[in-house]
């Protein structure tokens, strides 16, 4: 079955307006932003939450989730929250269901990398890897809504940033006492791509069944 990206605009429709004429708040995005602040600012909560492979193997499985919400410096926290607010907020206003799916595939992809023998690190913290899952989908939706091919420019810039990071092994904006780990951004992007493909295929299957059983 072919993936028809031209139908994305119909798949990711904004939620209907309420009786007062306003759109619903991006509650999932706001909740993640609010949870990230204490887990990053409080030293005790950070120690309890950051991703540590040895502690996870001992049974502290919550770190598979909270590790994405912990940050190592004010700069790290600021830039990650800003990028996540834009990417996830935009996607949630189009489809909360797809945002949740992208977060799930993003967490699975990044954690799978961190737990693998390819990771090369044992500790990790930050939203930057995870946020690439909703970011990728948001950029595709944005591009599809534009009347000209220039709408794809943000996605191309994002891809160029990803490639630059893999070769330079440096963070473009945020500053952290921990060394940057751009491979997590690539894993998050893969999670976003996986979500995009599976959501599109699922929609096509539902449409096909609707035609068959009419």
Foldseek 3Di string as FASTA:
>chain_A
DDQDLLCVLVLQAFDDADPVRHGDFLVVLVVLLVVLVCCAPDPVNVVLAAQFLVVVVVPSVNNLPSNASYAFDPLQSVVQSVLLCVLLRLSVRRPVVLSVQLLVLLSVLLVVCQNDPNQPDRTGHHNLLQSLQSNLVSLSNQCSPDPDNCSNVVVVVVVVVLVVCVVVQCDDGGDHPDRHRSVSNVSSNVSNVVSVRVSSVVVVVVVVVVVVVD
